[in-house]
Amino acid sequence: LAARRQWASASLVGLTYFGASLTTWLLKTAVGRERPLLHAMLAE
């Protein structure tokens, strides 16, 4: 997008993704909710 000088669009994509990622990390740390243990997990 930046190569096509679509600066606002490039910023939109980046701000949406990285803003959301940072917020989720902060919430994970603040809430500290345990993972479900009802059934065996199929992923590490």
Full PDB file with SEQRES, HELIX, SHEET, SSBOND, CRYST1, ORIGX, SCALE, CONECT and MASTER records, all heavy atoms in Angstrom:
SEQRES   1 A   44  LEU ALA ALA ARG ARG GLN TRP ALA SER ALA SER LEU VAL          
SEQRES   2 A   44  GLY LEU THR TYR PHE GLY ALA SER LEU THR THR TRP LEU          
SEQRES   3 A   44  LEU LYS THR ALA VAL GLY ARG GLU ARG PRO LEU LEU HIS          
SEQRES   4 A   44  ALA MET LEU ALA GLU                                          
HELIX    1 AA1 ALA A    2  ARG A    4  5                                   3    
HELIX    2 AA2 TRP A    7  VAL A   31  1                                  25    
CRYST1    1.000    1.000    1.000  90.00  90.00  90.00 P 1           1          
ORIGX1      1.000000  0.000000  0.000000        0.00000                         
ORIGX2      0.000000  1.000000  0.000000        0.00000                         
ORIGX3      0.000000  0.000000  1.000000        0.00000                         
SCALE1      1.000000  0.000000  0.000000        0.00000                         
SCALE2      0.000000  1.000000  0.000000        0.00000                         
SCALE3      0.000000  0.000000  1.000000        0.00000                         
ATOM      1  N   LEU A   1       0.829  -1.204   0.000  1.00  0.00           N  
ATOM      2  CA  LEU A   1       0.000   0.000   0.000  1.00  0.00           C  
ATOM      3  C   LEU A   1       0.865   1.256   0.000  1.00  0.00           C  
ATOM      4  O   LEU A   1       0.571   2.227  -0.711  1.00  0.00           O  
ATOM      5  CB  LEU A   1      -0.929  -0.006   1.211  1.00  0.00           C  
ATOM      6  CG  LEU A   1      -2.061  -1.036   1.169  1.00  0.00           C  
ATOM      7  CD1 LEU A   1      -2.721  -1.172   2.535  1.00  0.00           C  
ATOM      8  CD2 LEU A   1      -3.104  -0.650   0.114  1.00  0.00           C  
ATOM      9  N   ALA A   2       1.937   1.257   0.787  1.00  0.00           N  
ATOM     10  CA  ALA A   2       2.829   2.412   0.832  1.00  0.00           C  
ATOM     11  C   ALA A   2       3.518   2.618  -0.510  1.00  0.00           C  
ATOM     12  O   ALA A   2       3.759   3.763  -0.922  1.00  0.00           O  
ATOM     13  CB  ALA A   2       3.864   2.230   1.939  1.00  0.00           C  
ATOM     14  N   ALA A   3       3.832   1.519  -1.200  1.00  0.00           N  
ATOM     15  CA  ALA A   3       4.471   1.631  -2.510  1.00  0.00           C  
ATOM     16  C   ALA A   3       3.561   2.339  -3.513  1.00  0.00           C  
ATOM     17  O   ALA A   3       4.038   2.973  -4.458  1.00  0.00           O  
ATOM     18  CB  ALA A   3       4.844   0.247  -3.029  1.00  0.00           C  
ATOM     19  N   ARG A   4       2.254   2.243  -3.284  1.00  0.00           N  
ATOM     20  CA  ARG A   4       1.283   2.937  -4.143  1.00  0.00           C  
ATOM     21  C   ARG A   4       0.870   4.284  -3.553  1.00  0.00           C  
ATOM     22  O   ARG A   4      -0.064   4.896  -4.001  1.00  0.00           O  
ATOM     23  CB  ARG A   4       0.051   2.044  -4.328  1.00  0.00           C  
ATOM     24  CG  ARG A   4       0.349   0.709  -4.997  1.00  0.00           C  
ATOM     25  CD  ARG A   4      -0.911  -0.103  -5.189  1.00  0.00           C  
ATOM     26  NE  ARG A   4      -1.847   0.580  -6.060  1.00  0.00           N  
ATOM     27  CZ  ARG A   4      -3.072   0.118  -6.347  1.00  0.00           C  
ATOM     28  NH1 ARG A   4      -3.468  -1.033  -5.808  1.00  0.00           N  
ATOM     29  NH2 ARG A   4      -3.866   0.791  -7.143  1.00  0.00           N  
ATOM     30  N   ARG A   5       1.601   4.709  -2.521  1.00  0.00           N  
ATOM     31  CA  ARG A   5       1.356   5.975  -1.836  1.00  0.00           C  
ATOM     32  C   ARG A   5      -0.038   6.035  -1.194  1.00  0.00           C  
ATOM     33  O   ARG A   5      -0.613   7.108  -1.055  1.00  0.00           O  
ATOM     34  CB  ARG A   5       1.547   7.152  -2.803  1.00  0.00           C  
ATOM     35  CG  ARG A   5       2.964   7.266  -3.336  1.00  0.00           C  
ATOM     36  CD  ARG A   5       3.146   8.505  -4.172  1.00  0.00           C  
ATOM     37  NE  ARG A   5       4.524   8.596  -4.666  1.00  0.00           N  
ATOM     38  CZ  ARG A   5       4.976   9.589  -5.422  1.00  0.00           C  
ATOM     39  NH1 ARG A   5       4.160  10.583  -5.748  1.00  0.00           N  
ATOM     40  NH2 ARG A   5       6.230   9.591  -5.833  1.00  0.00           N  
ATOM     41  N   GLN A   6      -0.519   4.901  -0.800  1.00  0.00           N  
ATOM     42  CA  GLN A   6      -1.795   4.834  -0.086  1.00  0.00           C  
ATOM     43  C   GLN A   6      -1.485   4.803   1.409  1.00  0.00           C  
ATOM     44  O   GLN A   6      -1.661   3.807   2.104  1.00  0.00           O  
ATOM     45  CB  GLN A   6      -2.590   3.599  -0.545  1.00  0.00           C  
ATOM     46  CG  GLN A   6      -2.986   3.668  -2.016  1.00  0.00           C  
ATOM     47  CD  GLN A   6      -3.667   2.412  -2.510  1.00  0.00           C  
ATOM     48  OE1 GLN A   6      -3.939   1.500  -1.734  1.00  0.00           O  
ATOM     49  NE2 GLN A   6      -3.934   2.349  -3.801  1.00  0.00           N  
ATOM     50  N   TRP A   7      -0.999   5.942   1.891  1.00  0.00           N  
ATOM     51  CA  TRP A   7      -0.485   6.030   3.253  1.00  0.00           C  
ATOM     52  C   TRP A   7      -1.572   5.784   4.298  1.00  0.00           C  
ATOM     53  O   TRP A   7      -1.336   5.103   5.295  1.00  0.00           O  
ATOM     54  CB  TRP A   7       0.138   7.404   3.475  1.00  0.00           C  
ATOM     55  CG  TRP A   7       1.117   7.810   2.421  1.00  0.00           C  
ATOM     56  CD1 TRP A   7       0.992   8.854   1.542  1.00  0.00           C  
ATOM     57  CD2 TRP A   7       2.361   7.170   2.097  1.00  0.00           C  
ATOM     58  NE1 TRP A   7       2.081   8.915   0.699  1.00  0.00           N  
ATOM     59  CE2 TRP A   7       2.942   7.897   1.026  1.00  0.00           C  
ATOM     60  CE3 TRP A   7       3.045   6.067   2.613  1.00  0.00           C  
ATOM     61  CZ2 TRP A   7       4.154   7.559   0.456  1.00  0.00           C  
ATOM     62  CZ3 TRP A   7       4.265   5.723   2.054  1.00  0.00           C  
ATOM     63  CH2 TRP A   7       4.804   6.456   0.994  1.00  0.00           C  
ATOM     64  N   ALA A   8      -2.755   6.360   4.083  1.00  0.00           N  
ATOM     65  CA  ALA A   8      -3.829   6.185   5.061  1.00  0.00           C  
ATOM     66  C   ALA A   8      -4.255   4.732   5.163  1.00  0.00           C  
ATOM     67  O   ALA A   8      -4.520   4.220   6.245  1.00  0.00           O  
ATOM     68  CB  ALA A   8      -5.033   7.063   4.687  1.00  0.00           C  
ATOM     69  N   SER A   9      -4.294   4.052   4.016  1.00  0.00           N  
ATOM     70  CA  SER A   9      -4.681   2.639   4.029  1.00  0.00           C  
ATOM     71  C   SER A   9      -3.632   1.782   4.722  1.00  0.00           C  
ATOM     72  O   SER A   9      -3.958   0.859   5.474  1.00  0.00           O  
ATOM     73  CB  SER A   9      -4.897   2.148   2.591  1.00  0.00           C  
ATOM     74  OG  SER A   9      -5.976   2.815   1.986  1.00  0.00           O  
ATOM     75  N   ALA A  10      -2.364   2.079   4.450  1.00  0.00           N  
ATOM     76  CA  ALA A  10      -1.284   1.337   5.109  1.00  0.00           C  
ATOM     77  C   ALA A  10      -1.352   1.538   6.619  1.00  0.00           C  
ATOM     78  O   ALA A  10      -1.187   0.587   7.400  1.00  0.00           O  
ATOM     79  CB  ALA A  10       0.068   1.795   4.569  1.00  0.00           C  
ATOM     80  N   SER A  11      -1.609   2.772   7.035  1.00  0.00           N  
ATOM     81  CA  SER A  11      -1.723   3.058   8.471  1.00  0.00           C  
ATOM     82  C   SER A  11      -2.931   2.360   9.077  1.00  0.00           C  
ATOM     83  O   SER A  11      -2.877   1.864  10.209  1.00  0.00           O  
ATOM     84  CB  SER A  11      -1.837   4.566   8.689  1.00  0.00           C  
ATOM     85  OG  SER A  11      -0.674   5.221   8.230  1.00  0.00           O  
ATOM     86  N   LEU A  12      -4.029   2.315   8.337  1.00  0.00           N  
ATOM     87  CA  LEU A  12      -5.246   1.664   8.828  1.00  0.00           C  
ATOM     88  C   LEU A  12      -4.983   0.186   9.122  1.00  0.00           C  
ATOM     89  O   LEU A  12      -5.342  -0.324  10.189  1.00  0.00           O  
ATOM     90  CB  LEU A  12      -6.363   1.818   7.799  1.00  0.00           C  
ATOM     91  CG  LEU A  12      -7.771   1.348   8.167  1.00  0.00           C  
ATOM     92  CD1 LEU A  12      -8.818   2.088   7.331  1.00  0.00           C  
ATOM     93  CD2 LEU A  12      -7.949  -0.153   7.985  1.00  0.00           C  
ATOM     94  N   VAL A  13      -4.343  -0.496   8.172  1.00  0.00           N  
ATOM     95  CA  VAL A  13      -4.056  -1.925   8.346  1.00  0.00           C  
ATOM     96  C   VAL A  13      -3.126  -2.140   9.539  1.00  0.00           C  
ATOM     97  O   VAL A  13      -3.359  -3.017  10.381  1.00  0.00           O  
ATOM     98  CB  VAL A  13      -3.436  -2.511   7.061  1.00  0.00           C  
ATOM     99  CG1 VAL A  13      -2.936  -3.935   7.301  1.00  0.00           C  
ATOM    100  CG2 VAL A  13      -4.455  -2.501   5.926  1.00  0.00           C  
ATOM    101  N   GLY A  14      -2.075  -1.335   9.625  1.00  0.00           N  
ATOM    102  CA  GLY A  14      -1.112  -1.505  10.710  1.00  0.00           C  
ATOM    103  C   GLY A  14      -1.674  -1.162  12.073  1.00  0.00           C  
ATOM    104  O   GLY A  14      -1.478  -1.909  13.042  1.00  0.00           O  
ATOM    105  N   LEU A  15      -2.374  -0.033  12.153  1.00  0.00           N  
ATOM    106  CA  LEU A  15      -2.930   0.385  13.437  1.00  0.00           C  
ATOM    107  C   LEU A  15      -3.974  -0.604  13.940  1.00  0.00           C  
ATOM    108  O   LEU A  15      -4.013  -0.925  15.138  1.00  0.00           O  
ATOM    109  CB  LEU A  15      -3.552   1.778  13.302  1.00  0.00           C  
ATOM    110  CG  LEU A  15      -4.179   2.364  14.576  1.00  0.00           C  
ATOM    111  CD1 LEU A  15      -3.139   2.480  15.682  1.00  0.00           C  
ATOM    112  CD2 LEU A  15      -4.791   3.734  14.274  1.00  0.00           C  
ATOM    113  N   THR A  16      -4.807  -1.094  13.040  1.00  0.00           N  
ATOM    114  CA  THR A  16      -5.831  -2.064  13.442  1.00  0.00           C  
ATOM    115  C   THR A  16      -5.192  -3.322  14.019  1.00  0.00           C  
ATOM    116  O   THR A  16      -5.556  -3.778  15.107  1.00  0.00           O  
ATOM    117  CB  THR A  16      -6.725  -2.442  12.253  1.00  0.00           C  
ATOM    118  OG1 THR A  16      -7.397  -1.271  11.768  1.00  0.00           O  
ATOM    119  CG2 THR A  16      -7.773  -3.476  12.667  1.00  0.00           C  
ATOM    120  N   TYR A  17      -4.217  -3.872  13.303  1.00  0.00           N  
ATOM    121  CA  TYR A  17      -3.623  -5.140  13.740  1.00  0.00           C  
ATOM    122  C   TYR A  17      -2.779  -4.985  15.003  1.00  0.00           C  
ATOM    123  O   TYR A  17      -2.970  -5.708  15.989  1.00  0.00           O  
ATOM    124  CB  TYR A  17      -2.779  -5.756  12.625  1.00  0.00           C  
ATOM    125  CG  TYR A  17      -2.226  -7.103  13.004  1.00  0.00           C  
ATOM    126  CD1 TYR A  17      -2.992  -8.250  12.840  1.00  0.00           C  
ATOM    127  CD2 TYR A  17      -0.964  -7.225  13.577  1.00  0.00           C  
ATOM    128  CE1 TYR A  17      -2.502  -9.497  13.220  1.00  0.00           C  
ATOM    129  CE2 TYR A  17      -0.471  -8.462  13.966  1.00  0.00           C  
ATOM    130  CZ  TYR A  17      -1.251  -9.594  13.791  1.00  0.00           C  
ATOM    131  OH  TYR A  17      -0.766 -10.813  14.188  1.00  0.00           O  
ATOM    132  N   PHE A  18      -1.841  -4.056  14.983  1.00  0.00           N  
ATOM    133  CA  PHE A  18      -0.915  -3.955  16.109  1.00  0.00           C  
ATOM    134  C   PHE A  18      -1.568  -3.335  17.341  1.00  0.00           C  
ATOM    135  O   PHE A  18      -1.228  -3.694  18.477  1.00  0.00           O  
ATOM    136  CB  PHE A  18       0.331  -3.180  15.681  1.00  0.00           C  
ATOM    137  CG  PHE A  18       1.167  -3.920  14.685  1.00  0.00           C  
ATOM    138  CD1 PHE A  18       1.250  -3.501  13.370  1.00  0.00           C  
ATOM    139  CD2 PHE A  18       1.840  -5.074  15.050  1.00  0.00           C  
ATOM    140  CE1 PHE A  18       2.008  -4.202  12.441  1.00  0.00           C  
ATOM    141  CE2 PHE A  18       2.600  -5.797  14.141  1.00  0.00           C  
ATOM    142  CZ  PHE A  18       2.685  -5.356  12.828  1.00  0.00           C  
ATOM    143  N   GLY A  19      -2.519  -2.428  17.138  1.00  0.00           N  
ATOM    144  CA  GLY A  19      -3.267  -1.904  18.278  1.00  0.00           C  
ATOM    145  C   GLY A  19      -4.069  -2.989  18.964  1.00  0.00           C  
ATOM    146  O   GLY A  19      -4.090  -3.099  20.199  1.00  0.00           O  
ATOM    147  N   ALA A  20      -4.717  -3.830  18.155  1.00  0.00           N  
ATOM    148  CA  ALA A  20      -5.518  -4.926  18.705  1.00  0.00           C  
ATOM    149  C   ALA A  20      -4.632  -5.955  19.403  1.00  0.00           C  
ATOM    150  O   ALA A  20      -4.967  -6.461  20.480  1.00  0.00           O  
ATOM    151  CB  ALA A  20      -6.330  -5.587  17.595  1.00  0.00           C  
ATOM    152  N   SER A  21      -3.495  -6.259  18.800  1.00  0.00           N  
ATOM    153  CA  SER A  21      -2.589  -7.253  19.394  1.00  0.00           C  
ATOM    154  C   SER A  21      -2.078  -6.785  20.753  1.00  0.00           C  
ATOM    155  O   SER A  21      -2.036  -7.567  21.717  1.00  0.00           O  
ATOM    156  CB  SER A  21      -1.410  -7.513  18.450  1.00  0.00           C  
ATOM    157  OG  SER A  21      -1.849  -8.069  17.237  1.00  0.00           O  
ATOM    158  N   LEU A  22      -1.683  -5.520  20.839  1.00  0.00           N  
ATOM    159  CA  LEU A  22      -1.173  -4.984  22.105  1.00  0.00           C  
ATOM    160  C   LEU A  22      -2.269  -4.974  23.167  1.00  0.00           C  
ATOM    161  O   LEU A  22      -2.030  -5.332  24.333  1.00  0.00           O  
ATOM    162  CB  LEU A  22      -0.632  -3.575  21.899  1.00  0.00           C  
ATOM    163  CG  LEU A  22      -0.130  -2.861  23.157  1.00  0.00           C  
ATOM    164  CD1 LEU A  22       1.000  -3.636  23.815  1.00  0.00           C  
ATOM    165  CD2 LEU A  22       0.310  -1.436  22.821  1.00  0.00           C  
ATOM    166  N   THR A  23      -3.474  -4.576  22.779  1.00  0.00           N  
ATOM    167  CA  THR A  23      -4.590  -4.534  23.728  1.00  0.00           C  
ATOM    168  C   THR A  23      -4.906  -5.921  24.270  1.00  0.00           C  
ATOM    169  O   THR A  23      -5.146  -6.090  25.482  1.00  0.00           O  
ATOM    170  CB  THR A  23      -5.847  -3.941  23.062  1.00  0.00           C  
ATOM    171  OG1 THR A  23      -5.548  -2.612  22.610  1.00  0.00           O  
ATOM    172  CG2 THR A  23      -7.018  -3.897  24.032  1.00  0.00           C  
ATOM    173  N   THR A  24      -4.899  -6.906  23.405  1.00  0.00           N  
ATOM    174  CA  THR A  24      -5.171  -8.275  23.845  1.00  0.00           C  
ATOM    175  C   THR A  24      -4.096  -8.759  24.812  1.00  0.00           C  
ATOM    176  O   THR A  24      -4.401  -9.409  25.826  1.00  0.00           O  
ATOM    177  CB  THR A  24      -5.264  -9.214  22.628  1.00  0.00           C  
ATOM    178  OG1 THR A  24      -6.513  -8.984  21.963  1.00  0.00           O  
ATOM    179  CG2 THR A  24      -5.207 -10.676  23.044  1.00  0.00           C  
ATOM    180  N   TRP A  25      -2.851  -8.446  24.530  1.00  0.00           N  
ATOM    181  CA  TRP A  25      -1.772  -8.853  25.438  1.00  0.00           C  
ATOM    182  C   TRP A  25      -1.950  -8.202  26.806  1.00  0.00           C  
ATOM    183  O   TRP A  25      -1.779  -8.867  27.849  1.00  0.00           O  
ATOM    184  CB  TRP A  25      -0.421  -8.463  24.838  1.00  0.00           C  
ATOM    185  CG  TRP A  25       0.730  -8.823  25.724  1.00  0.00           C  
ATOM    186  CD1 TRP A  25       1.324 -10.054  25.866  1.00  0.00           C  
ATOM    187  CD2 TRP A  25       1.432  -7.943  26.611  1.00  0.00           C  
ATOM    188  NE1 TRP A  25       2.343  -9.996  26.785  1.00  0.00           N  
ATOM    189  CE2 TRP A  25       2.435  -8.715  27.260  1.00  0.00           C  
ATOM    190  CE3 TRP A  25       1.317  -6.592  26.913  1.00  0.00           C  
ATOM    191  CZ2 TRP A  25       3.306  -8.166  28.193  1.00  0.00           C  
ATOM    192  CZ3 TRP A  25       2.191  -6.041  27.852  1.00  0.00           C  
ATOM    193  CH2 TRP A  25       3.173  -6.819  28.474  1.00  0.00           C  
ATOM    194  N   LEU A  26      -2.303  -6.925  26.825  1.00  0.00           N  
ATOM    195  CA  LEU A  26      -2.515  -6.234  28.096  1.00  0.00           C  
ATOM    196  C   LEU A  26      -3.691  -6.825  28.864  1.00  0.00           C  
ATOM    197  O   LEU A  26      -3.625  -7.001  30.089  1.00  0.00           O  
ATOM    198  CB  LEU A  26      -2.747  -4.742  27.835  1.00  0.00           C  
ATOM    199  CG  LEU A  26      -1.535  -3.951  27.319  1.00  0.00           C  
ATOM    200  CD1 LEU A  26      -1.951  -2.541  26.943  1.00  0.00           C  
ATOM    201  CD2 LEU A  26      -0.426  -3.925  28.354  1.00  0.00           C  
ATOM    202  N   LEU A  27      -4.771  -7.138  28.154  1.00  0.00           N  
ATOM    203  CA  LEU A  27      -5.935  -7.730  28.817  1.00  0.00           C  
ATOM    204  C   LEU A  27      -5.624  -9.121  29.362  1.00  0.00           C  
ATOM    205  O   LEU A  27      -6.081  -9.483  30.445  1.00  0.00           O  
ATOM    206  CB  LEU A  27      -7.118  -7.800  27.850  1.00  0.00           C  
ATOM    207  CG  LEU A  27      -7.940  -6.524  27.690  1.00  0.00           C  
ATOM    208  CD1 LEU A  27      -8.973  -6.693  26.572  1.00  0.00           C  
ATOM    209  CD2 LEU A  27      -8.636  -6.172  29.003  1.00  0.00           C  
ATOM    210  N   LYS A  28      -4.881  -9.907  28.603  1.00  0.00           N  
ATOM    211  CA  LYS A  28      -4.493 -11.233  29.083  1.00  0.00           C  
ATOM    212  C   LYS A  28      -3.763 -11.119  30.423  1.00  0.00           C  
ATOM    213  O   LYS A  28      -4.041 -11.863  31.370  1.00  0.00           O  
ATOM    214  CB  LYS A  28      -3.582 -11.926  28.056  1.00  0.00           C  
ATOM    215  CG  LYS A  28      -4.290 -12.554  26.871  1.00  0.00           C  
ATOM    216  CD  LYS A  28      -3.254 -13.122  25.907  1.00  0.00           C  
ATOM    217  CE  LYS A  28      -3.893 -13.856  24.752  1.00  0.00           C  
ATOM    218  NZ  LYS A  28      -4.422 -15.179  25.137  1.00  0.00           N  
ATOM    219  N   THR A  29      -2.834 -10.178  30.475  1.00  0.00           N  
ATOM    220  CA  THR A  29      -2.033  -9.993  31.687  1.00  0.00           C  
ATOM    221  C   THR A  29      -2.895  -9.477  32.842  1.00  0.00           C  
ATOM    222  O   THR A  29      -2.748  -9.919  33.990  1.00  0.00           O  
ATOM    223  CB  THR A  29      -0.892  -9.007  31.412  1.00  0.00           C  
ATOM    224  OG1 THR A  29      -0.104  -9.487  30.317  1.00  0.00           O  
ATOM    225  CG2 THR A  29      -0.014  -8.849  32.641  1.00  0.00           C  
ATOM    226  N   ALA A  30      -3.806  -8.542  32.541  1.00  0.00           N  
ATOM    227  CA  ALA A  30      -4.623  -7.940  33.587  1.00  0.00           C  
ATOM    228  C   ALA A  30      -5.664  -8.899  34.147  1.00  0.00           C  
ATOM    229  O   ALA A  30      -5.886  -8.963  35.362  1.00  0.00           O  
ATOM    230  CB  ALA A  30      -5.314  -6.688  33.046  1.00  0.00           C  
ATOM    231  N   VAL A  31      -6.308  -9.679  33.264  1.00  0.00           N  
ATOM    232  CA  VAL A  31      -7.396 -10.567  33.697  1.00  0.00           C  
ATOM    233  C   VAL A  31      -6.853 -11.885  34.241  1.00  0.00           C  
ATOM    234  O   VAL A  31      -7.328 -12.405  35.256  1.00  0.00           O  
ATOM    235  CB  VAL A  31      -8.374 -10.816  32.534  1.00  0.00           C  
ATOM    236  CG1 VAL A  31      -9.448 -11.836  32.947  1.00  0.00           C  
ATOM    237  CG2 VAL A  31      -9.028  -9.506  32.092  1.00  0.00           C  
ATOM    238  N   GLY A  32      -5.835 -12.442  33.589  1.00  0.00           N  
ATOM    239  CA  GLY A  32      -5.219 -13.671  34.071  1.00  0.00           C  
ATOM    240  C   GLY A  32      -6.166 -14.857  34.115  1.00  0.00           C  
ATOM    241  O   GLY A  32      -6.141 -15.644  35.072  1.00  0.00           O  
ATOM    242  N   ARG A  33      -6.973 -15.022  33.098  1.00  0.00           N  
ATOM    243  CA  ARG A  33      -7.942 -16.128  33.075  1.00  0.00           C  
ATOM    244  C   ARG A  33      -7.271 -17.435  32.681  1.00  0.00           C  
ATOM    245  O   ARG A  33      -6.495 -17.508  31.740  1.00  0.00           O  
ATOM    246  CB  ARG A  33      -9.056 -15.814  32.080  1.00  0.00           C  
ATOM    247  CG  ARG A  33     -10.241 -16.769  32.162  1.00  0.00           C  
ATOM    248  CD  ARG A  33     -11.263 -16.479  31.071  1.00  0.00           C  
ATOM    249  NE  ARG A  33     -12.547 -17.092  31.369  1.00  0.00           N  
ATOM    250  CZ  ARG A  33     -13.578 -17.099  30.525  1.00  0.00           C  
ATOM    251  NH1 ARG A  33     -13.462 -16.536  29.329  1.00  0.00           N  
ATOM    252  NH2 ARG A  33     -14.712 -17.666  30.868  1.00  0.00           N  
ATOM    253  N   GLU A  34      -7.604 -18.496  33.400  1.00  0.00           N  
ATOM    254  CA  GLU A  34      -7.047 -19.812  33.115  1.00  0.00           C  
ATOM    255  C   GLU A  34      -7.653 -20.396  31.833  1.00  0.00           C  
ATOM    256  O   GLU A  34      -8.799 -20.113  31.477  1.00  0.00           O  
ATOM    257  CB  GLU A  34      -7.312 -20.774  34.274  1.00  0.00           C  
ATOM    258  CG  GLU A  34      -6.633 -20.382  35.575  1.00  0.00           C  
ATOM    259  CD  GLU A  34      -5.138 -20.625  35.550  1.00  0.00           C  
ATOM    260  OE1 GLU A  34      -4.664 -21.302  34.616  1.00  0.00           O  
ATOM    261  OE2 GLU A  34      -4.456 -20.139  36.469  1.00  0.00           O  
ATOM    262  N   ARG A  35      -6.878 -21.242  31.176  1.00  0.00           N  
ATOM    263  CA  ARG A  35      -7.362 -21.949  29.991  1.00  0.00           C  
ATOM    264  C   ARG A  35      -8.390 -23.006  30.402  1.00  0.00           C  
ATOM    265  O   ARG A  35      -8.370 -23.500  31.536  1.00  0.00           O  
ATOM    266  CB  ARG A  35      -6.205 -22.636  29.280  1.00  0.00           C  
ATOM    267  CG  ARG A  35      -5.146 -21.676  28.761  1.00  0.00           C  
ATOM    268  CD  ARG A  35      -5.487 -21.154  27.407  1.00  0.00           C  
ATOM    269  NE  ARG A  35      -4.471 -20.217  26.918  1.00  0.00           N  
ATOM    270  CZ  ARG A  35      -4.401 -19.788  25.657  1.00  0.00           C  
ATOM    271  NH1 ARG A  35      -5.292 -20.218  24.774  1.00  0.00           N  
ATOM    272  NH2 ARG A  35      -3.466 -18.939  25.293  1.00  0.00           N  
ATOM    273  N   PRO A  36      -9.288 -23.370  29.483  1.00  0.00           N  
ATOM    274  CA  PRO A  36     -10.260 -24.425  29.818  1.00  0.00           C  
ATOM    275  C   PRO A  36      -9.572 -25.774  29.998  1.00  0.00           C  
ATOM    276  O   PRO A  36      -8.640 -26.112  29.268  1.00  0.00           O  
ATOM    277  CB  PRO A  36     -11.195 -24.435  28.597  1.00  0.00           C  
ATOM    278  CG  PRO A  36     -10.417 -23.804  27.491  1.00  0.00           C  
ATOM    279  CD  PRO A  36      -9.518 -22.802  28.148  1.00  0.00           C  
ATOM    280  N   LEU A  37     -10.045 -26.528  30.953  1.00  0.00           N  
ATOM    281  CA  LEU A  37      -9.492 -27.859  31.230  1.00  0.00           C  
ATOM    282  C   LEU A  37     -10.585 -28.920  31.222  1.00  0.00           C  
ATOM    283  O   LEU A  37     -10.434 -29.975  31.837  1.00  0.00           O  
ATOM    284  CB  LEU A  37      -8.774 -27.856  32.587  1.00  0.00           C  
ATOM    285  CG  LEU A  37      -7.560 -26.929  32.694  1.00  0.00           C  
ATOM    286  CD1 LEU A  37      -7.035 -26.905  34.125  1.00  0.00           C  
ATOM    287  CD2 LEU A  37      -6.461 -27.364  31.724  1.00  0.00           C  
ATOM    288  N   LEU A  38     -11.689 -28.644  30.534  1.00  0.00           N  
ATOM    289  CA  LEU A  38     -12.797 -29.602  30.490  1.00  0.00           C  
ATOM    290  C   LEU A  38     -12.444 -30.841  29.685  1.00  0.00           C  
ATOM    291  O   LEU A  38     -12.852 -31.953  30.009  1.00  0.00           O  
ATOM    292  CB  LEU A  38     -14.030 -28.932  29.869  1.00  0.00           C  
ATOM    293  CG  LEU A  38     -14.563 -27.687  30.583  1.00  0.00           C  
ATOM    294  CD1 LEU A  38     -15.758 -27.131  29.822  1.00  0.00           C  
ATOM    295  CD2 LEU A  38     -14.942 -28.020  32.016  1.00  0.00           C  
ATOM    296  N   HIS A  39     -11.693 -30.641  28.611  1.00  0.00           N  
ATOM    297  CA  HIS A  39     -11.294 -31.733  27.726  1.00  0.00           C  
ATOM    298  C   HIS A  39      -9.823 -31.535  27.371  1.00  0.00           C  
ATOM    299  O   HIS A  39      -9.289 -30.434  27.496  1.00  0.00           O  
ATOM    300  CB  HIS A  39     -12.157 -31.753  26.456  1.00  0.00           C  
ATOM    301  CG  HIS A  39     -13.618 -31.766  26.722  1.00  0.00           C  
ATOM    302  ND1 HIS A  39     -14.326 -32.924  26.994  1.00  0.00           N  
ATOM    303  CD2 HIS A  39     -14.515 -30.750  26.784  1.00  0.00           C  
ATOM    304  CE1 HIS A  39     -15.601 -32.622  27.204  1.00  0.00           C  
ATOM    305  NE2 HIS A  39     -15.745 -31.311  27.078  1.00  0.00           N  
ATOM    306  N   ALA A  40      -9.191 -32.604  26.907  1.00  0.00           N  
ATOM    307  CA  ALA A  40      -7.772 -32.522  26.554  1.00  0.00           C  
ATOM    308  C   ALA A  40      -7.560 -31.522  25.425  1.00  0.00           C  
ATOM    309  O   ALA A  40      -8.313 -31.505  24.445  1.00  0.00           O  
ATOM    310  CB  ALA A  40      -7.271 -33.899  26.124  1.00  0.00           C  
ATOM    311  N   MET A  41      -6.547 -30.663  25.578  1.00  0.00           N  
ATOM    312  CA  MET A  41      -6.219 -29.701  24.530  1.00  0.00           C  
ATOM    313  C   MET A  41      -5.541 -30.405  23.362  1.00  0.00           C  
ATOM    314  O   MET A  41      -4.771 -31.350  23.549  1.00  0.00           O  
ATOM    315  CB  MET A  41      -5.286 -28.620  25.079  1.00  0.00           C  
ATOM    316  CG  MET A  41      -5.914 -27.714  26.119  1.00  0.00           C  
ATOM    317  SD  MET A  41      -4.754 -26.401  26.615  1.00  0.00           S  
ATOM    318  CE  MET A  41      -5.713 -25.567  27.876  1.00  0.00           C  
ATOM    319  N   LEU A  42      -5.819 -29.931  22.168  1.00  0.00           N  
ATOM    320  CA  LEU A  42      -5.230 -30.506  20.962  1.00  0.00           C  
ATOM    321  C   LEU A  42      -4.148 -29.592  20.380  1.00  0.00           C  
ATOM    322  O   LEU A  42      -3.762 -29.744  19.230  1.00  0.00           O  
ATOM    323  CB  LEU A  42      -6.311 -30.752  19.915  1.00  0.00           C  
ATOM    324  CG  LEU A  42      -7.428 -31.729  20.327  1.00  0.00           C  
ATOM    325  CD1 LEU A  42      -8.434 -31.873  19.205  1.00  0.00           C  
ATOM    326  CD2 LEU A  42      -6.843 -33.078  20.715  1.00  0.00           C  
ATOM    327  N   ALA A  43      -3.684 -28.642  21.168  1.00  0.00           N  
ATOM    328  CA  ALA A  43      -2.627 -27.735  20.730  1.00  0.00           C  
ATOM    329  C   ALA A  43      -1.782 -27.354  21.938  1.00  0.00           C  
ATOM    330  O   ALA A  43      -2.279 -27.335  23.069  1.00  0.00           O  
ATOM    331  CB  ALA A  43      -3.219 -26.487  20.079  1.00  0.00           C  
ATOM    332  N   GLU A  44      -0.513 -27.079  21.703  1.00  0.00           N  
ATOM    333  CA  GLU A  44       0.385 -26.687  22.783  1.00  0.00           C  
ATOM    334  C   GLU A  44       0.216 -25.195  23.085  1.00  0.00           C  
ATOM    335  O   GLU A  44       0.098 -24.372  22.178  1.00  0.00           O  
ATOM    336  CB  GLU A  44       1.836 -26.978  22.396  1.00  0.00           C  
ATOM    337  CG  GLU A  44       2.145 -28.462  22.262  1.00  0.00           C  
ATOM    338  CD  GLU A  44       3.619 -28.713  21.992  1.00  0.00           C  
ATOM    339  OE1 GLU A  44       4.388 -27.722  21.994  1.00  0.00           O  
ATOM    340  OE2 GLU A  44       3.986 -29.873  21.790  1.00  0.00           O  
TER     341      GLU A  44                                                      
MASTER        0    0    0    2    0    0    0    6  340    1    0    4          
END                                                                             
